[in-house]
Amino acid sequence: MDGRADPRGHRYAQELGFQLISSQPQYSMLWRVIEDEVVPTCRELGISQIVWSPMAQGVLSGKYEPGQAPKEGTRAAHEEAGGSMGDFMNERVLTAVQELKPIAADAGLSMPALAIAWVLQNDNVAAALVGASRPEQLEENVKAVGVKLEESIMQRIDAALSGVSERDPGKTAERAPKTRVC
């Protein structure tokens, strides 16, 4: 597979007599590979998205700053967990993410709430799976529910992240495990 939308699972489910209702891809301001092919195909088939990593593994919280080592106790500072953040933990991305801070402030949101509200803005996204290590993080994440970002905010986000947001569907196949344990 090359990462493009493939309706074979949908056809197989129909043959077995049931309807698929959701897909569970990674999706965030920084990982937009589903937008051009997966979302339109799913929309056509009546399948919504329940997305994971809407905060790009915490990078969109703004807590990781360019030129600075990750603070102790953060995911990126953790040897095993931080290793999976490679695509997002580079100077170009971290610098672009810092440009979101005034945009979040103008929207009256924290960085995490902006990131989650942005994901939920996609009408094919039914839910966003978020993680939190402290109750106050969860309380902040919930503030994104029901937020409608203005088009001017959406345009400013696109401009800030231009050149660092991944849109190539082929990247999904590159990241996928070569074998799956069932």
N, C-alpha and C. Protein backbone atom coordinates (compact mmCIF):
# COMPACT_ATOMS: atom_id res chain seq x y z
N MET A 1 0.84 -1.18 0.00
CA MET A 1 0.00 0.00 0.00
C MET A 1 0.89 1.25 0.00
N ASP A 2 0.40 2.29 -0.64
CA ASP A 2 1.15 3.53 -0.73
C ASP A 2 0.58 4.62 0.16
N GLY A 3 -0.35 4.31 1.05
CA GLY A 3 -0.94 5.30 1.93
C GLY A 3 -2.21 5.92 1.38
N ARG A 4 -2.57 5.60 0.15
CA ARG A 4 -3.78 6.16 -0.44
C ARG A 4 -5.01 5.44 0.12
N ALA A 5 -6.13 6.13 0.06
CA ALA A 5 -7.38 5.55 0.55
C ALA A 5 -7.70 4.29 -0.26
N ASP A 6 -8.08 3.26 0.41
CA ASP A 6 -8.36 1.97 -0.23
C ASP A 6 -9.67 1.44 0.32
N PRO A 7 -10.71 1.39 -0.52
CA PRO A 7 -12.03 0.96 -0.04
C PRO A 7 -12.21 -0.55 0.04
N ARG A 8 -11.12 -1.35 -0.08
CA ARG A 8 -11.29 -2.81 -0.02
C ARG A 8 -11.87 -3.28 1.31
N GLY A 9 -11.48 -2.66 2.41
CA GLY A 9 -12.02 -3.04 3.71
C GLY A 9 -13.52 -2.79 3.77
N HIS A 10 -13.94 -1.69 3.17
CA HIS A 10 -15.36 -1.35 3.12
C HIS A 10 -16.13 -2.42 2.33
N ARG A 11 -15.59 -2.80 1.19
CA ARG A 11 -16.26 -3.83 0.37
C ARG A 11 -16.30 -5.17 1.11
N TYR A 12 -15.23 -5.53 1.77
CA TYR A 12 -15.18 -6.78 2.50
C TYR A 12 -16.21 -6.78 3.64
N ALA A 13 -16.30 -5.66 4.35
CA ALA A 13 -17.28 -5.55 5.44
C ALA A 13 -18.69 -5.73 4.89
N GLN A 14 -18.98 -5.14 3.75
CA GLN A 14 -20.30 -5.29 3.14
C GLN A 14 -20.57 -6.75 2.79
N GLU A 15 -19.56 -7.44 2.27
CA GLU A 15 -19.72 -8.86 1.95
C GLU A 15 -20.06 -9.67 3.20
N LEU A 16 -19.51 -9.26 4.33
CA LEU A 16 -19.76 -9.95 5.59
C LEU A 16 -21.05 -9.48 6.26
N GLY A 17 -21.67 -8.44 5.69
CA GLY A 17 -22.95 -7.99 6.19
C GLY A 17 -22.92 -6.93 7.27
N PHE A 18 -21.85 -6.16 7.37
CA PHE A 18 -21.85 -5.06 8.33
C PHE A 18 -21.23 -3.82 7.72
N GLN A 19 -21.49 -2.69 8.35
CA GLN A 19 -21.04 -1.39 7.86
C GLN A 19 -19.90 -0.87 8.73
N LEU A 20 -18.80 -0.51 8.12
CA LEU A 20 -17.74 0.19 8.85
C LEU A 20 -18.24 1.61 9.12
N ILE A 21 -17.99 2.11 10.32
CA ILE A 21 -18.48 3.45 10.64
C ILE A 21 -17.36 4.43 10.97
N SER A 22 -16.14 3.93 11.23
CA SER A 22 -15.07 4.87 11.54
C SER A 22 -13.72 4.31 11.14
N SER A 23 -12.83 5.24 10.92
CA SER A 23 -11.43 4.97 10.65
C SER A 23 -10.67 5.62 11.81
N GLN A 24 -9.49 5.12 12.15
CA GLN A 24 -8.76 5.68 13.28
C GLN A 24 -7.34 6.05 12.85
N PRO A 25 -7.20 7.14 12.10
CA PRO A 25 -5.88 7.56 11.67
C PRO A 25 -5.25 8.59 12.60
N GLN A 26 -3.97 8.78 12.42
CA GLN A 26 -3.28 9.90 13.07
C GLN A 26 -3.68 11.16 12.31
N TYR A 27 -3.91 12.27 13.02
CA TYR A 27 -4.29 13.51 12.36
C TYR A 27 -4.03 14.68 13.29
N SER A 28 -3.35 15.68 12.78
CA SER A 28 -3.09 16.92 13.53
C SER A 28 -2.72 18.01 12.53
N MET A 29 -2.51 19.21 13.05
CA MET A 29 -2.05 20.31 12.21
C MET A 29 -0.74 19.97 11.52
N LEU A 30 0.05 19.10 12.14
CA LEU A 30 1.35 18.73 11.58
C LEU A 30 1.31 17.44 10.75
N TRP A 31 0.28 16.65 10.90
CA TRP A 31 0.17 15.36 10.19
C TRP A 31 -1.19 15.33 9.49
N ARG A 32 -1.20 15.83 8.25
CA ARG A 32 -2.43 16.05 7.51
C ARG A 32 -2.58 15.09 6.32
N VAL A 33 -1.92 13.97 6.38
CA VAL A 33 -1.87 13.06 5.23
C VAL A 33 -3.23 12.47 4.84
N ILE A 34 -4.21 12.53 5.71
CA ILE A 34 -5.52 11.94 5.40
C ILE A 34 -6.44 12.87 4.61
N GLU A 35 -6.10 14.14 4.52
CA GLU A 35 -7.03 15.12 3.99
C GLU A 35 -7.38 14.95 2.50
N ASP A 36 -6.42 14.63 1.67
CA ASP A 36 -6.66 14.61 0.23
C ASP A 36 -7.33 13.35 -0.28
N GLU A 37 -7.10 12.22 0.37
CA GLU A 37 -7.65 10.97 -0.16
C GLU A 37 -8.51 10.20 0.84
N VAL A 38 -8.02 10.03 2.05
CA VAL A 38 -8.75 9.24 3.05
C VAL A 38 -10.07 9.90 3.42
N VAL A 39 -10.04 11.17 3.77
CA VAL A 39 -11.26 11.85 4.20
C VAL A 39 -12.32 11.86 3.09
N PRO A 40 -11.98 12.26 1.86
CA PRO A 40 -13.02 12.23 0.81
C PRO A 40 -13.58 10.84 0.55
N THR A 41 -12.71 9.82 0.55
CA THR A 41 -13.18 8.45 0.33
C THR A 41 -14.09 8.01 1.47
N CYS A 42 -13.68 8.28 2.69
CA CYS A 42 -14.50 7.91 3.85
C CYS A 42 -15.82 8.66 3.86
N ARG A 43 -15.78 9.93 3.51
CA ARG A 43 -17.02 10.71 3.46
C ARG A 43 -17.99 10.05 2.47
N GLU A 44 -17.49 9.68 1.31
CA GLU A 44 -18.30 9.03 0.27
C GLU A 44 -18.88 7.71 0.76
N LEU A 45 -18.13 6.97 1.58
CA LEU A 45 -18.56 5.66 2.07
C LEU A 45 -19.33 5.72 3.39
N GLY A 46 -19.50 6.92 3.93
CA GLY A 46 -20.23 7.05 5.19
C GLY A 46 -19.41 6.66 6.40
N ILE A 47 -18.10 6.85 6.32
CA ILE A 47 -17.19 6.49 7.41
C ILE A 47 -16.58 7.77 7.97
N SER A 48 -16.60 7.92 9.29
CA SER A 48 -16.00 9.11 9.91
C SER A 48 -14.63 8.75 10.47
N GLN A 49 -13.97 9.76 11.01
CA GLN A 49 -12.63 9.59 11.58
C GLN A 49 -12.68 9.75 13.10
N ILE A 50 -12.03 8.84 13.80
CA ILE A 50 -11.75 8.99 15.22
C ILE A 50 -10.23 9.07 15.28
N VAL A 51 -9.71 10.28 15.38
CA VAL A 51 -8.28 10.51 15.17
C VAL A 51 -7.48 10.43 16.46
N TRP A 52 -6.21 10.08 16.31
CA TRP A 52 -5.31 10.04 17.46
C TRP A 52 -4.15 11.02 17.22
N SER A 53 -3.54 11.40 18.29
CA SER A 53 -2.43 12.34 18.32
C SER A 53 -2.78 13.71 17.74
N PRO A 54 -3.92 14.30 18.15
CA PRO A 54 -4.28 15.62 17.63
C PRO A 54 -3.30 16.72 18.06
N MET A 55 -2.49 16.44 19.08
CA MET A 55 -1.49 17.41 19.52
C MET A 55 -0.09 17.02 19.06
N ALA A 56 -0.02 16.13 18.05
CA ALA A 56 1.27 15.70 17.49
C ALA A 56 2.23 15.29 18.60
N GLN A 57 1.76 14.38 19.42
CA GLN A 57 2.53 13.81 20.52
C GLN A 57 3.01 14.89 21.50
N GLY A 58 2.22 15.94 21.64
CA GLY A 58 2.53 17.00 22.58
C GLY A 58 3.28 18.18 21.99
N VAL A 59 3.78 18.04 20.77
CA VAL A 59 4.55 19.13 20.16
C VAL A 59 3.68 20.37 19.99
N LEU A 60 2.40 20.19 19.64
CA LEU A 60 1.52 21.34 19.43
C LEU A 60 1.10 22.02 20.73
N SER A 61 1.53 21.50 21.87
CA SER A 61 1.30 22.20 23.13
C SER A 61 2.20 23.43 23.24
N GLY A 62 3.25 23.47 22.41
CA GLY A 62 4.19 24.57 22.44
C GLY A 62 5.26 24.47 23.51
N LYS A 63 5.25 23.37 24.27
CA LYS A 63 6.20 23.27 25.38
C LYS A 63 7.62 22.92 24.94
N TYR A 64 7.78 22.44 23.72
CA TYR A 64 9.11 22.14 23.20
C TYR A 64 9.58 23.32 22.37
N GLU A 65 10.69 23.91 22.76
CA GLU A 65 11.16 25.12 22.11
C GLU A 65 12.41 24.84 21.28
N PRO A 66 12.52 25.53 20.14
CA PRO A 66 13.69 25.32 19.29
C PRO A 66 14.97 25.68 20.03
N GLY A 67 15.98 24.86 19.82
CA GLY A 67 17.28 25.12 20.45
C GLY A 67 17.37 24.75 21.91
N GLN A 68 16.30 24.22 22.48
CA GLN A 68 16.28 23.85 23.90
C GLN A 68 16.08 22.35 24.04
N ALA A 69 16.75 21.77 24.99
CA ALA A 69 16.51 20.35 25.29
C ALA A 69 15.12 20.22 25.91
N PRO A 70 14.44 19.11 25.64
CA PRO A 70 13.12 18.90 26.27
C PRO A 70 13.25 18.91 27.79
N LYS A 71 12.28 19.53 28.45
CA LYS A 71 12.30 19.60 29.91
C LYS A 71 12.12 18.21 30.50
N GLU A 72 12.78 18.00 31.63
CA GLU A 72 12.67 16.73 32.36
C GLU A 72 11.21 16.43 32.67
N GLY A 73 10.81 15.20 32.50
CA GLY A 73 9.45 14.78 32.79
C GLY A 73 8.51 14.87 31.60
N THR A 74 8.97 15.46 30.48
CA THR A 74 8.12 15.53 29.30
C THR A 74 8.32 14.27 28.46
N ARG A 75 7.38 14.03 27.58
CA ARG A 75 7.44 12.85 26.71
C ARG A 75 8.73 12.83 25.89
N ALA A 76 9.10 13.97 25.32
CA ALA A 76 10.29 14.03 24.48
C ALA A 76 11.57 13.76 25.26
N ALA A 77 11.56 14.04 26.56
CA ALA A 77 12.74 13.79 27.39
C ALA A 77 12.85 12.32 27.77
N HIS A 78 11.77 11.58 27.63
CA HIS A 78 11.75 10.16 27.97
C HIS A 78 12.43 9.39 26.84
N GLU A 79 13.43 8.60 27.16
CA GLU A 79 14.24 7.93 26.16
C GLU A 79 13.41 7.09 25.18
N GLU A 80 12.51 6.26 25.69
CA GLU A 80 11.73 5.39 24.81
C GLU A 80 10.61 6.13 24.10
N ALA A 81 9.84 6.92 24.82
CA ALA A 81 8.69 7.62 24.22
C ALA A 81 9.14 8.72 23.28
N GLY A 82 10.20 9.42 23.63
CA GLY A 82 10.68 10.52 22.81
C GLY A 82 11.20 10.10 21.46
N GLY A 83 11.65 8.87 21.35
CA GLY A 83 12.17 8.38 20.08
C GLY A 83 11.15 8.33 18.97
N SER A 84 9.88 8.20 19.32
CA SER A 84 8.83 8.13 18.30
C SER A 84 8.39 9.51 17.82
N MET A 85 8.97 10.56 18.36
CA MET A 85 8.57 11.92 18.02
C MET A 85 9.49 12.55 16.98
N GLY A 86 10.38 11.78 16.42
CA GLY A 86 11.42 12.29 15.54
C GLY A 86 11.01 13.28 14.48
N ASP A 87 9.94 13.01 13.73
CA ASP A 87 9.52 13.91 12.65
C ASP A 87 9.12 15.29 13.15
N PHE A 88 8.64 15.36 14.37
CA PHE A 88 8.15 16.63 14.90
C PHE A 88 9.20 17.38 15.70
N MET A 89 10.21 16.70 16.19
CA MET A 89 11.19 17.32 17.08
C MET A 89 12.41 17.83 16.29
N ASN A 90 12.16 18.78 15.40
CA ASN A 90 13.27 19.41 14.70
C ASN A 90 13.08 20.92 14.73
N GLU A 91 14.13 21.65 14.48
CA GLU A 91 14.12 23.10 14.62
C GLU A 91 13.04 23.77 13.77
N ARG A 92 12.89 23.33 12.53
CA ARG A 92 11.89 23.96 11.63
C ARG A 92 10.49 23.82 12.20
N VAL A 93 10.13 22.61 12.63
CA VAL A 93 8.80 22.37 13.17
C VAL A 93 8.61 23.12 14.48
N LEU A 94 9.56 23.01 15.37
CA LEU A 94 9.42 23.67 16.68
C LEU A 94 9.34 25.19 16.55
N THR A 95 10.06 25.76 15.60
CA THR A 95 9.99 27.20 15.36
C THR A 95 8.62 27.58 14.82
N ALA A 96 8.10 26.81 13.87
CA ALA A 96 6.78 27.08 13.31
C ALA A 96 5.69 26.95 14.38
N VAL A 97 5.81 25.96 15.24
CA VAL A 97 4.81 25.76 16.29
C VAL A 97 4.79 26.97 17.23
N GLN A 98 5.93 27.56 17.50
CA GLN A 98 5.96 28.75 18.37
C GLN A 98 5.15 29.91 17.77
N GLU A 99 5.04 29.94 16.44
CA GLU A 99 4.25 30.98 15.77
C GLU A 99 2.75 30.81 16.01
N LEU A 100 2.35 29.67 16.53
CA LEU A 100 0.93 29.44 16.84
C LEU A 100 0.50 30.10 18.15
N LYS A 101 1.45 30.44 19.00
CA LYS A 101 1.09 31.00 20.32
C LYS A 101 0.24 32.26 20.22
N PRO A 102 0.61 33.26 19.40
CA PRO A 102 -0.27 34.44 19.31
C PRO A 102 -1.61 34.12 18.64
N ILE A 103 -1.62 33.14 17.77
CA ILE A 103 -2.87 32.74 17.11
C ILE A 103 -3.81 32.12 18.14
N ALA A 104 -3.27 31.25 18.99
CA ALA A 104 -4.08 30.65 20.06
C ALA A 104 -4.60 31.74 20.99
N ALA A 105 -3.74 32.68 21.35
CA ALA A 105 -4.15 33.77 22.25
C ALA A 105 -5.27 34.59 21.61
N ASP A 106 -5.14 34.90 20.33
CA ASP A 106 -6.19 35.67 19.63
C ASP A 106 -7.51 34.91 19.57
N ALA A 107 -7.43 33.57 19.55
CA ALA A 107 -8.64 32.75 19.53
C ALA A 107 -9.18 32.53 20.94
N GLY A 108 -8.44 32.99 21.95
CA GLY A 108 -8.87 32.81 23.34
C GLY A 108 -8.67 31.38 23.83
N LEU A 109 -7.68 30.70 23.26
CA LEU A 109 -7.46 29.28 23.58
C LEU A 109 -6.02 29.05 24.00
N SER A 110 -5.80 27.98 24.74
CA SER A 110 -4.45 27.52 25.01
C SER A 110 -3.95 26.81 23.75
N MET A 111 -2.68 26.54 23.68
CA MET A 111 -2.13 25.80 22.54
C MET A 111 -2.77 24.41 22.41
N PRO A 112 -2.89 23.63 23.50
CA PRO A 112 -3.54 22.32 23.35
C PRO A 112 -4.99 22.43 22.86
N ALA A 113 -5.74 23.38 23.40
CA ALA A 113 -7.14 23.55 22.98
C ALA A 113 -7.21 23.97 21.51
N LEU A 114 -6.29 24.82 21.06
CA LEU A 114 -6.26 25.21 19.65
C LEU A 114 -6.01 23.99 18.77
N ALA A 115 -5.04 23.16 19.14
CA ALA A 115 -4.71 21.98 18.33
C ALA A 115 -5.90 21.02 18.23
N ILE A 116 -6.57 20.81 19.33
CA ILE A 116 -7.71 19.88 19.34
C ILE A 116 -8.91 20.49 18.61
N ALA A 117 -9.16 21.78 18.82
CA ALA A 117 -10.26 22.45 18.11
C ALA A 117 -10.02 22.41 16.60
N TRP A 118 -8.77 22.58 16.18
CA TRP A 118 -8.44 22.53 14.75
C TRP A 118 -8.81 21.17 14.17
N VAL A 119 -8.45 20.09 14.86
CA VAL A 119 -8.78 18.74 14.39
C VAL A 119 -10.29 18.55 14.31
N LEU A 120 -10.99 18.99 15.33
CA LEU A 120 -12.44 18.82 15.38
C LEU A 120 -13.16 19.70 14.36
N GLN A 121 -12.46 20.67 13.79
CA GLN A 121 -13.02 21.54 12.76
C GLN A 121 -13.32 20.75 11.48
N ASN A 122 -12.59 19.67 11.25
CA ASN A 122 -12.83 18.83 10.07
C ASN A 122 -14.16 18.12 10.25
N ASP A 123 -15.10 18.34 9.35
CA ASP A 123 -16.44 17.79 9.52
C ASP A 123 -16.52 16.28 9.42
N ASN A 124 -15.44 15.63 8.99
CA ASN A 124 -15.42 14.18 8.92
C ASN A 124 -14.82 13.56 10.19
N VAL A 125 -14.36 14.40 11.12
CA VAL A 125 -13.79 13.92 12.37
C VAL A 125 -14.91 13.84 13.41
N ALA A 126 -15.18 12.62 13.87
CA ALA A 126 -16.22 12.41 14.89
C ALA A 126 -15.69 12.64 16.29
N ALA A 127 -14.41 12.31 16.50
CA ALA A 127 -13.81 12.44 17.84
C ALA A 127 -12.30 12.47 17.72
N ALA A 128 -11.67 13.05 18.72
CA ALA A 128 -10.22 13.08 18.80
C ALA A 128 -9.80 12.40 20.10
N LEU A 129 -8.91 11.45 19.98
CA LEU A 129 -8.39 10.75 21.15
C LEU A 129 -7.22 11.56 21.70
N VAL A 130 -7.35 11.97 22.95
CA VAL A 130 -6.31 12.78 23.57
C VAL A 130 -5.73 12.04 24.76
N GLY A 131 -4.51 12.38 25.07
CA GLY A 131 -3.88 11.81 26.25
C GLY A 131 -3.54 12.92 27.22
N ALA A 132 -3.51 12.60 28.46
CA ALA A 132 -3.14 13.58 29.48
C ALA A 132 -2.46 12.84 30.63
N SER A 133 -1.43 13.46 31.16
CA SER A 133 -0.74 12.84 32.29
C SER A 133 -1.15 13.48 33.61
N ARG A 134 -1.88 14.61 33.52
CA ARG A 134 -2.36 15.28 34.73
C ARG A 134 -3.79 15.75 34.49
N PRO A 135 -4.61 15.78 35.54
CA PRO A 135 -6.01 16.20 35.38
C PRO A 135 -6.17 17.58 34.73
N GLU A 136 -5.28 18.51 35.06
CA GLU A 136 -5.41 19.86 34.48
C GLU A 136 -5.19 19.86 32.97
N GLN A 137 -4.41 18.90 32.47
CA GLN A 137 -4.25 18.79 31.02
C GLN A 137 -5.56 18.36 30.37
N LEU A 138 -6.22 17.41 30.98
CA LEU A 138 -7.51 16.96 30.45
C LEU A 138 -8.53 18.09 30.51
N GLU A 139 -8.55 18.82 31.61
CA GLU A 139 -9.47 19.95 31.74
C GLU A 139 -9.23 20.98 30.63
N GLU A 140 -7.97 21.21 30.30
CA GLU A 140 -7.63 22.16 29.22
C GLU A 140 -8.05 21.61 27.87
N ASN A 141 -7.83 20.33 27.63
CA ASN A 141 -8.19 19.71 26.35
C ASN A 141 -9.69 19.80 26.08
N VAL A 142 -10.48 19.63 27.11
CA VAL A 142 -11.95 19.63 26.96
C VAL A 142 -12.45 21.00 26.50
N LYS A 143 -11.69 22.06 26.74
CA LYS A 143 -12.10 23.40 26.33
C LYS A 143 -12.21 23.54 24.81
N ALA A 144 -11.67 22.59 24.07
CA ALA A 144 -11.75 22.63 22.60
C ALA A 144 -13.11 22.19 22.08
N VAL A 145 -13.85 21.46 22.88
CA VAL A 145 -15.14 20.92 22.46
C VAL A 145 -16.10 22.06 22.14
N GLY A 146 -16.69 22.01 20.96
CA GLY A 146 -17.67 23.01 20.55
C GLY A 146 -17.09 24.30 20.02
N VAL A 147 -15.77 24.43 19.98
CA VAL A 147 -15.14 25.64 19.48
C VAL A 147 -15.20 25.65 17.96
N LYS A 148 -15.63 26.76 17.40
CA LYS A 148 -15.64 26.95 15.95
C LYS A 148 -14.59 28.01 15.64
N LEU A 149 -13.49 27.58 15.03
CA LEU A 149 -12.43 28.52 14.70
C LEU A 149 -12.82 29.35 13.48
N GLU A 150 -12.59 30.64 13.55
CA GLU A 150 -12.88 31.53 12.43
C GLU A 150 -11.95 31.21 11.26
N GLU A 151 -12.43 31.48 10.07
CA GLU A 151 -11.63 31.21 8.86
C GLU A 151 -10.30 31.96 8.90
N SER A 152 -10.28 33.16 9.45
CA SER A 152 -9.02 33.91 9.53
C SER A 152 -8.01 33.20 10.43
N ILE A 153 -8.48 32.57 11.50
CA ILE A 153 -7.60 31.81 12.40
C ILE A 153 -7.07 30.59 11.64
N MET A 154 -7.95 29.90 10.92
CA MET A 154 -7.53 28.72 10.16
C MET A 154 -6.46 29.10 9.13
N GLN A 155 -6.63 30.23 8.47
CA GLN A 155 -5.65 30.69 7.48
C GLN A 155 -4.32 31.04 8.13
N ARG A 156 -4.37 31.65 9.28
CA ARG A 156 -3.13 31.99 9.99
C ARG A 156 -2.40 30.72 10.43
N ILE A 157 -3.14 29.71 10.85
CA ILE A 157 -2.53 28.43 11.23
C ILE A 157 -1.83 27.81 10.02
N ASP A 158 -2.54 27.78 8.89
CA ASP A 158 -1.95 27.23 7.66
C ASP A 158 -0.68 27.98 7.29
N ALA A 159 -0.70 29.30 7.39
CA ALA A 159 0.47 30.10 7.04
C ALA A 159 1.63 29.81 8.00
N ALA A 160 1.35 29.71 9.27
CA ALA A 160 2.40 29.47 10.27
C ALA A 160 3.07 28.11 10.07
N LEU A 161 2.27 27.12 9.66
CA LEU A 161 2.81 25.76 9.53
C LEU A 161 3.13 25.37 8.09
N SER A 162 3.03 26.32 7.18
CA SER A 162 3.35 26.06 5.78
C SER A 162 4.78 25.53 5.67
N GLY A 163 4.93 24.44 4.98
CA GLY A 163 6.26 23.86 4.78
C GLY A 163 6.67 22.86 5.85
N VAL A 164 5.93 22.79 6.96
CA VAL A 164 6.28 21.80 8.00
C VAL A 164 5.17 20.79 8.24
N SER A 165 3.96 21.08 7.79
CA SER A 165 2.86 20.11 7.93
C SER A 165 3.03 19.02 6.88
N GLU A 166 2.99 17.78 7.32
CA GLU A 166 3.14 16.65 6.40
C GLU A 166 1.80 16.35 5.74
N ARG A 167 1.79 16.31 4.42
CA ARG A 167 0.57 16.06 3.65
C ARG A 167 0.69 14.86 2.72
N ASP A 168 1.85 14.27 2.63
CA ASP A 168 2.09 13.16 1.70
C ASP A 168 1.50 11.86 2.25
N PRO A 169 0.45 11.31 1.60
CA PRO A 169 -0.16 10.07 2.11
C PRO A 169 0.81 8.89 2.15
N GLY A 170 1.83 8.93 1.32
CA GLY A 170 2.82 7.86 1.32
C GLY A 170 3.59 7.74 2.62
N LYS A 171 3.62 8.81 3.39
CA LYS A 171 4.33 8.78 4.68
C LYS A 171 3.66 7.83 5.66
N THR A 172 2.36 7.60 5.50
CA THR A 172 1.65 6.67 6.39
C THR A 172 2.24 5.27 6.25
N ALA A 173 2.44 4.84 5.01
CA ALA A 173 3.00 3.51 4.77
C ALA A 173 4.41 3.40 5.33
N GLU A 174 5.18 4.49 5.23
CA GLU A 174 6.55 4.47 5.77
C GLU A 174 6.55 4.27 7.28
N ARG A 175 5.57 4.82 7.96
CA ARG A 175 5.51 4.74 9.43
C ARG A 175 4.87 3.47 9.94
N ALA A 176 4.08 2.82 9.08
CA ALA A 176 3.32 1.64 9.53
C ALA A 176 4.28 0.51 9.87
N PRO A 177 3.94 -0.26 10.90
CA PRO A 177 4.75 -1.43 11.23
C PRO A 177 4.77 -2.41 10.06
N LYS A 178 5.89 -3.03 9.84
CA LYS A 178 6.01 -3.99 8.72
C LYS A 178 5.24 -5.28 9.02
N THR A 179 5.13 -5.62 10.29
CA THR A 179 4.34 -6.78 10.68
C THR A 179 3.46 -6.37 11.85
N ARG A 180 2.38 -7.04 12.01
CA ARG A 180 1.45 -6.75 13.11
C ARG A 180 1.32 -7.99 13.97
N VAL A 181 1.30 -7.78 15.27
CA VAL A 181 1.09 -8.86 16.20
C VAL A 181 -0.39 -8.89 16.54
N CYS A 182 -1.04 -10.00 16.30
CA CYS A 182 -2.47 -10.11 16.57
C CYS A 182 -2.73 -10.98 17.76
